[in-house]
Structure formats: structure tokens, C-alpha cells
Amino acid sequence: MTDATVERIRAHLDAAREKHPVFTPNGGGLLEALAKLSEELGEVYMAFNDNEGTDRIVEEILDLIAPAVRTIQGEYHDDTQAD
């Protein structure tokens, strides 16, 4: 992975954290995190289907990577688990 790619991912991740400090505000845990991933993947497909061009599709993929990283890092709030 190039340094430029890592920086683009980091920038999108930082922007996502700033815009949505609480990754899963409904407390839905992993399920809510997966729903966010699905939503972002849908936006990738919409950009493709709407012929928005490679640059736009790549931007949507970067928007998909941000919640994927947050999921991997366990940043989701989980009210579904019993104490």
C-alpha cells in the first residue's frame, strides 16, 4: 500500500470520526456497524450504476473503508450485550 493511499484512508477516517464521534449511536453494536458498512457499500454501487466516474467511486470506497476500520477496532457502542 502506498503512503498516499494510507494518508487518504487516514483522512477519511479522521473526517468520519469528526462527523460521527459515536460510531453506532443507537447502541446496536456489531449489527449496527455492519448496517453502516452495507449502507456505504450501497453508495459505492450507486456511484458505479450512475456512471459517476472512477474518482467518485474511489471516494465512496474510501467512505466504506472508514467504518470498516472502526468496526475492526471495536469502536461500536453495544447496548445489546447483557452485563
Protein backbone atom coordinates (compact mmCIF):
# COMPACT_ATOMS: atom_id res chain seq x y z
CA MET A 1 0.00 0.00 0.00
CA THR A 2 1.42 3.38 -0.91
CA ASP A 3 1.91 6.15 1.60
CA ALA A 4 -0.53 8.28 -0.40
CA THR A 5 -3.24 5.62 -0.07
CA VAL A 6 -2.65 5.30 3.66
CA GLU A 7 -2.95 9.06 4.03
CA ARG A 8 -6.20 9.13 2.04
CA ILE A 9 -7.64 6.40 4.24
CA ARG A 10 -6.46 8.20 7.37
CA ALA A 11 -8.03 11.47 6.18
CA HIS A 12 -11.39 9.79 5.53
CA LEU A 13 -11.23 8.02 8.87
CA ASP A 14 -10.45 11.28 10.69
CA ALA A 15 -13.32 13.03 8.88
CA ALA A 16 -15.71 10.20 9.76
CA ARG A 17 -14.72 10.36 13.42
CA GLU A 18 -15.19 14.12 13.46
CA LYS A 19 -18.58 13.96 11.75
CA HIS A 20 -19.77 10.92 13.75
CA PRO A 21 -17.87 10.80 17.07
CA VAL A 22 -20.11 7.95 18.24
CA PHE A 23 -19.90 5.31 15.54
CA THR A 24 -23.08 3.43 16.47
CA PRO A 25 -25.27 5.96 18.29
CA ASN A 26 -28.22 3.57 18.59
CA GLY A 27 -26.17 1.13 20.67
CA GLY A 28 -26.73 -1.64 18.17
CA GLY A 29 -23.19 -2.91 18.42
CA LEU A 30 -21.76 -5.05 15.67
CA LEU A 31 -25.10 -5.34 13.86
CA GLU A 32 -25.41 -1.55 13.61
CA ALA A 33 -21.79 -1.33 12.45
CA LEU A 34 -22.49 -3.89 9.73
CA ALA A 35 -25.56 -1.93 8.67
CA LYS A 36 -23.35 1.14 8.22
CA LEU A 37 -20.94 -0.90 6.11
CA SER A 38 -23.82 -2.13 3.98
CA GLU A 39 -25.09 1.41 3.52
CA GLU A 40 -21.67 2.62 2.40
CA LEU A 41 -21.28 -0.31 0.01
CA GLY A 42 -24.64 0.64 -1.48
CA GLU A 43 -23.28 4.12 -2.15
CA VAL A 44 -20.31 2.60 -3.99
CA TYR A 45 -22.70 0.66 -6.21
CA MET A 46 -24.90 3.71 -6.77
CA ALA A 47 -21.90 5.75 -7.90
CA PHE A 48 -21.00 2.94 -10.31
CA ASN A 49 -24.55 2.48 -11.60
CA ASP A 50 -24.96 6.22 -12.07
CA ASN A 51 -21.74 6.36 -14.11
CA GLU A 52 -20.25 8.95 -11.75
CA GLY A 53 -16.71 8.01 -12.77
CA THR A 54 -13.77 6.31 -11.18
CA ASP A 55 -12.78 9.24 -8.96
CA ARG A 56 -16.24 9.34 -7.35
CA ILE A 57 -16.33 5.57 -6.94
CA VAL A 58 -12.93 5.65 -5.25
CA GLU A 59 -14.17 8.37 -2.88
CA GLU A 60 -17.14 6.17 -1.99
CA ILE A 61 -14.80 3.22 -1.40
CA LEU A 62 -12.77 5.41 0.96
CA ASP A 63 -16.04 6.22 2.74
CA LEU A 64 -16.61 2.45 3.03
CA ILE A 65 -13.16 1.82 4.46
CA ALA A 66 -13.65 4.27 7.34
CA PRO A 67 -16.50 2.36 9.04
CA ALA A 68 -14.75 -0.91 8.22
CA VAL A 69 -11.70 0.24 10.19
CA ARG A 70 -13.90 1.49 13.02
CA THR A 71 -15.61 -1.91 13.13
CA ILE A 72 -12.28 -3.75 13.15
CA GLN A 73 -11.12 -1.54 16.02
CA GLY A 74 -14.29 -2.19 18.01
CA GLU A 75 -15.44 1.43 18.06
CA TYR A 76 -19.10 0.48 18.06
CA HIS A 77 -21.28 1.05 21.14
CA ASP A 78 -23.09 -2.11 22.12
CA ASP A 79 -26.22 -1.92 24.27
CA THR A 80 -27.31 -5.33 23.00
CA GLN A 81 -24.94 -7.29 25.23
CA ALA A 82 -26.06 -8.23 28.72
CA ASP A 83 -23.80 -7.09 31.56
